[in-house]
Amino acid sequence: MLDREGLVAEDRPSLVGVVPLDPTTTFRTGSHILKKDDAATLENDQGYVSSSGFSPHVGSTIGLALVKRAHLRHGEEVVVWNGLRKEFTAARLCDPIFVDPANEKLHV
């Protein structure tokens, strides 16, 4: 079962964090991820935001997204596009662990 195409394909969607470039902006769950210079069409869709919310620790909206080749794209600038509301937010893909990635707080 682990050799199924959907689990081994290079461009399979995987989990990645998303943060807006400008902390005063936000994005919504269900929005699509586009490459920075791509047109806002579903043909250019790279994935979607599966959850989002404001993080007092980070000081901005944070999100989790399922994106093609996500593990290779940390640091990439993208556009989060909500076609229904005509919203575009410049964002960056990042590690999906936003607080204490080294797990140091458990060892206080």
C-alpha atoms as a PDB file:
ATOM      1  CA  MET A   1       0.000   0.000   0.000  1.00  0.00           C
ATOM      2  CA  LEU A   2       2.867   2.418   0.687  1.00  0.00           C
ATOM      3  CA  ASP A   3       3.897   2.215  -2.980  1.00  0.00           C
ATOM      4  CA  ARG A   4       0.615   3.653  -4.251  1.00  0.00           C
ATOM      5  CA  GLU A   5       1.023   6.503  -6.720  1.00  0.00           C
ATOM      6  CA  GLY A   6      -0.631   9.076  -4.469  1.00  0.00           C
ATOM      7  CA  LEU A   7       1.830   8.365  -1.674  1.00  0.00           C
ATOM      8  CA  VAL A   8       5.043   8.345  -3.704  1.00  0.00           C
ATOM      9  CA  ALA A   9       4.382  10.881  -6.493  1.00  0.00           C
ATOM     10  CA  GLU A  10       6.884  13.767  -6.467  1.00  0.00           C
ATOM     11  CA  ASP A  11       4.182  16.437  -6.785  1.00  0.00           C
ATOM     12  CA  ARG A  12       1.817  14.988  -4.175  1.00  0.00           C
ATOM     13  CA  PRO A  13       0.354  17.570  -1.786  1.00  0.00           C
ATOM     14  CA  SER A  14       1.920  17.639   1.659  1.00  0.00           C
ATOM     15  CA  LEU A  15       1.576  19.805   4.747  1.00  0.00           C
ATOM     16  CA  VAL A  16       3.305  23.179   4.976  1.00  0.00           C
ATOM     17  CA  GLY A  17       2.909  26.304   7.091  1.00  0.00           C
ATOM     18  CA  VAL A  18       1.800  29.622   5.582  1.00  0.00           C
ATOM     19  CA  VAL A  19       2.357  33.130   6.954  1.00  0.00           C
ATOM     20  CA  PRO A  20       1.509  36.480   5.327  1.00  0.00           C
ATOM     21  CA  LEU A  21       4.459  38.662   4.293  1.00  0.00           C
ATOM     22  CA  ASP A  22       2.700  41.643   5.892  1.00  0.00           C
ATOM     23  CA  PRO A  23       1.562  40.696   9.431  1.00  0.00           C
ATOM     24  CA  THR A  24      -1.358  43.143   9.216  1.00  0.00           C
ATOM     25  CA  THR A  25      -2.949  41.141   6.379  1.00  0.00           C
ATOM     26  CA  THR A  26      -4.814  37.864   6.626  1.00  0.00           C
ATOM     27  CA  PHE A  27      -6.089  34.984   4.526  1.00  0.00           C
ATOM     28  CA  ARG A  28      -8.963  32.542   4.815  1.00  0.00           C
ATOM     29  CA  THR A  29      -9.280  28.788   5.087  1.00  0.00           C
ATOM     30  CA  GLY A  30     -10.108  27.305   1.682  1.00  0.00           C
ATOM     31  CA  SER A  31      -8.034  29.843  -0.254  1.00  0.00           C
ATOM     32  CA  HIS A  32      -5.792  28.571  -3.037  1.00  0.00           C
ATOM     33  CA  ILE A  33      -2.003  28.749  -3.178  1.00  0.00           C
ATOM     34  CA  LEU A  34      -0.506  30.192  -6.371  1.00  0.00           C
ATOM     35  CA  LYS A  35       3.106  30.697  -7.406  1.00  0.00           C
ATOM     36  CA  LYS A  36       4.111  34.329  -6.949  1.00  0.00           C
ATOM     37  CA  ASP A  37       3.823  35.411 -10.600  1.00  0.00           C
ATOM     38  CA  ASP A  38       1.096  33.036 -11.822  1.00  0.00           C
ATOM     39  CA  ALA A  39      -2.331  34.189 -12.978  1.00  0.00           C
ATOM     40  CA  ALA A  40      -5.239  33.562 -10.621  1.00  0.00           C
ATOM     41  CA  THR A  41      -6.730  30.496 -12.302  1.00  0.00           C
ATOM     42  CA  LEU A  42      -7.467  26.994 -11.082  1.00  0.00           C
ATOM     43  CA  GLU A  43      -5.022  25.643 -13.671  1.00  0.00           C
ATOM     44  CA  ASN A  44      -2.230  27.353 -11.705  1.00  0.00           C
ATOM     45  CA  ASP A  45      -3.472  26.041  -8.346  1.00  0.00           C
ATOM     46  CA  GLN A  46      -0.629  24.636  -6.218  1.00  0.00           C
ATOM     47  CA  GLY A  47      -2.764  23.622  -3.227  1.00  0.00           C
ATOM     48  CA  TYR A  48      -5.097  25.104  -0.622  1.00  0.00           C
ATOM     49  CA  VAL A  49      -5.183  26.457   2.928  1.00  0.00           C
ATOM     50  CA  SER A  50      -6.698  23.772   5.151  1.00  0.00           C
ATOM     51  CA  SER A  51      -6.792  25.869   8.343  1.00  0.00           C
ATOM     52  CA  SER A  52      -5.943  29.391   9.450  1.00  0.00           C
ATOM     53  CA  GLY A  53      -6.231  31.674  12.430  1.00  0.00           C
ATOM     54  CA  PHE A  54      -4.526  34.511  14.298  1.00  0.00           C
ATOM     55  CA  SER A  55      -1.517  33.552  16.417  1.00  0.00           C
ATOM     56  CA  PRO A  56      -0.700  35.895  19.312  1.00  0.00           C
ATOM     57  CA  HIS A  57       2.682  34.163  19.613  1.00  0.00           C
ATOM     58  CA  VAL A  58       3.657  34.809  15.980  1.00  0.00           C
ATOM     59  CA  GLY A  59       1.792  38.138  15.819  1.00  0.00           C
ATOM     60  CA  SER A  60      -0.038  37.423  12.574  1.00  0.00           C
ATOM     61  CA  THR A  61      -2.350  35.004  10.845  1.00  0.00           C
ATOM     62  CA  ILE A  62      -0.853  31.549  10.408  1.00  0.00           C
ATOM     63  CA  GLY A  63      -2.134  28.682   8.338  1.00  0.00           C
ATOM     64  CA  LEU A  64      -1.587  25.110   7.308  1.00  0.00           C
ATOM     65  CA  ALA A  65      -1.864  24.176   3.651  1.00  0.00           C
ATOM     66  CA  LEU A  66      -1.624  21.128   1.447  1.00  0.00           C
ATOM     67  CA  VAL A  67       0.719  22.134  -1.369  1.00  0.00           C
ATOM     68  CA  LYS A  68       2.495  20.305  -4.190  1.00  0.00           C
ATOM     69  CA  ARG A  69       6.122  19.477  -3.253  1.00  0.00           C
ATOM     70  CA  ALA A  70       5.710  21.403   0.007  1.00  0.00           C
ATOM     71  CA  HIS A  71       8.771  19.907   1.699  1.00  0.00           C
ATOM     72  CA  LEU A  72      11.003  21.478  -0.985  1.00  0.00           C
ATOM     73  CA  ARG A  73       9.352  24.897  -0.900  1.00  0.00           C
ATOM     74  CA  HIS A  74       9.938  26.277   2.615  1.00  0.00           C
ATOM     75  CA  GLY A  75      10.781  29.972   2.273  1.00  0.00           C
ATOM     76  CA  GLU A  76       9.090  30.383  -1.123  1.00  0.00           C
ATOM     77  CA  GLU A  77       6.926  33.469  -1.572  1.00  0.00           C
ATOM     78  CA  VAL A  78       3.454  32.657  -2.901  1.00  0.00           C
ATOM     79  CA  VAL A  79       0.044  34.279  -3.296  1.00  0.00           C
ATOM     80  CA  VAL A  80      -2.932  33.079  -1.258  1.00  0.00           C
ATOM     81  CA  TRP A  81      -5.961  33.595  -3.493  1.00  0.00           C
ATOM     82  CA  ASN A  82      -9.611  33.536  -2.494  1.00  0.00           C
ATOM     83  CA  GLY A  83     -11.495  33.661  -5.786  1.00  0.00           C
ATOM     84  CA  LEU A  84     -14.933  34.001  -4.201  1.00  0.00           C
ATOM     85  CA  ARG A  85     -14.015  37.152  -2.278  1.00  0.00           C
ATOM     86  CA  LYS A  86     -11.414  38.424  -4.768  1.00  0.00           C
ATOM     87  CA  GLU A  87      -8.719  38.466  -2.048  1.00  0.00           C
ATOM     88  CA  PHE A  88      -4.997  38.197  -2.767  1.00  0.00           C
ATOM     89  CA  THR A  89      -2.454  37.924   0.055  1.00  0.00           C
ATOM     90  CA  ALA A  90       1.309  37.751  -0.403  1.00  0.00           C
ATOM     91  CA  ALA A  91       2.598  34.947   1.812  1.00  0.00           C
ATOM     92  CA  ARG A  92       5.538  32.662   2.525  1.00  0.00           C
ATOM     93  CA  LEU A  93       5.557  28.882   2.848  1.00  0.00           C
ATOM     94  CA  CYS A  94       7.304  27.692   6.002  1.00  0.00           C
ATOM     95  CA  ASP A  95       7.670  24.856   8.474  1.00  0.00           C
ATOM     96  CA  PRO A  96       4.234  23.822   9.808  1.00  0.00           C
ATOM     97  CA  ILE A  97       5.532  24.017  13.407  1.00  0.00           C
ATOM     98  CA  PHE A  98       5.172  27.646  14.500  1.00  0.00           C
ATOM     99  CA  VAL A  99       5.941  27.447  18.217  1.00  0.00           C
ATOM    100  CA  ASP A 100       8.959  25.728  19.806  1.00  0.00           C
ATOM    101  CA  PRO A 101      10.148  23.706  16.794  1.00  0.00           C
ATOM    102  CA  ALA A 102      13.147  22.402  18.788  1.00  0.00           C
ATOM    103  CA  ASN A 103      10.780  21.135  21.521  1.00  0.00           C
ATOM    104  CA  GLU A 104      12.742  22.963  24.213  1.00  0.00           C
ATOM    105  CA  LYS A 105       9.785  24.154  26.310  1.00  0.00           C
ATOM    106  CA  LEU A 106       8.911  20.603  27.350  1.00  0.00           C
ATOM    107  CA  HIS A 107      12.328  20.243  28.931  1.00  0.00           C
ATOM    108  CA  VAL A 108      12.167  23.233  31.289  1.00  0.00           C
END
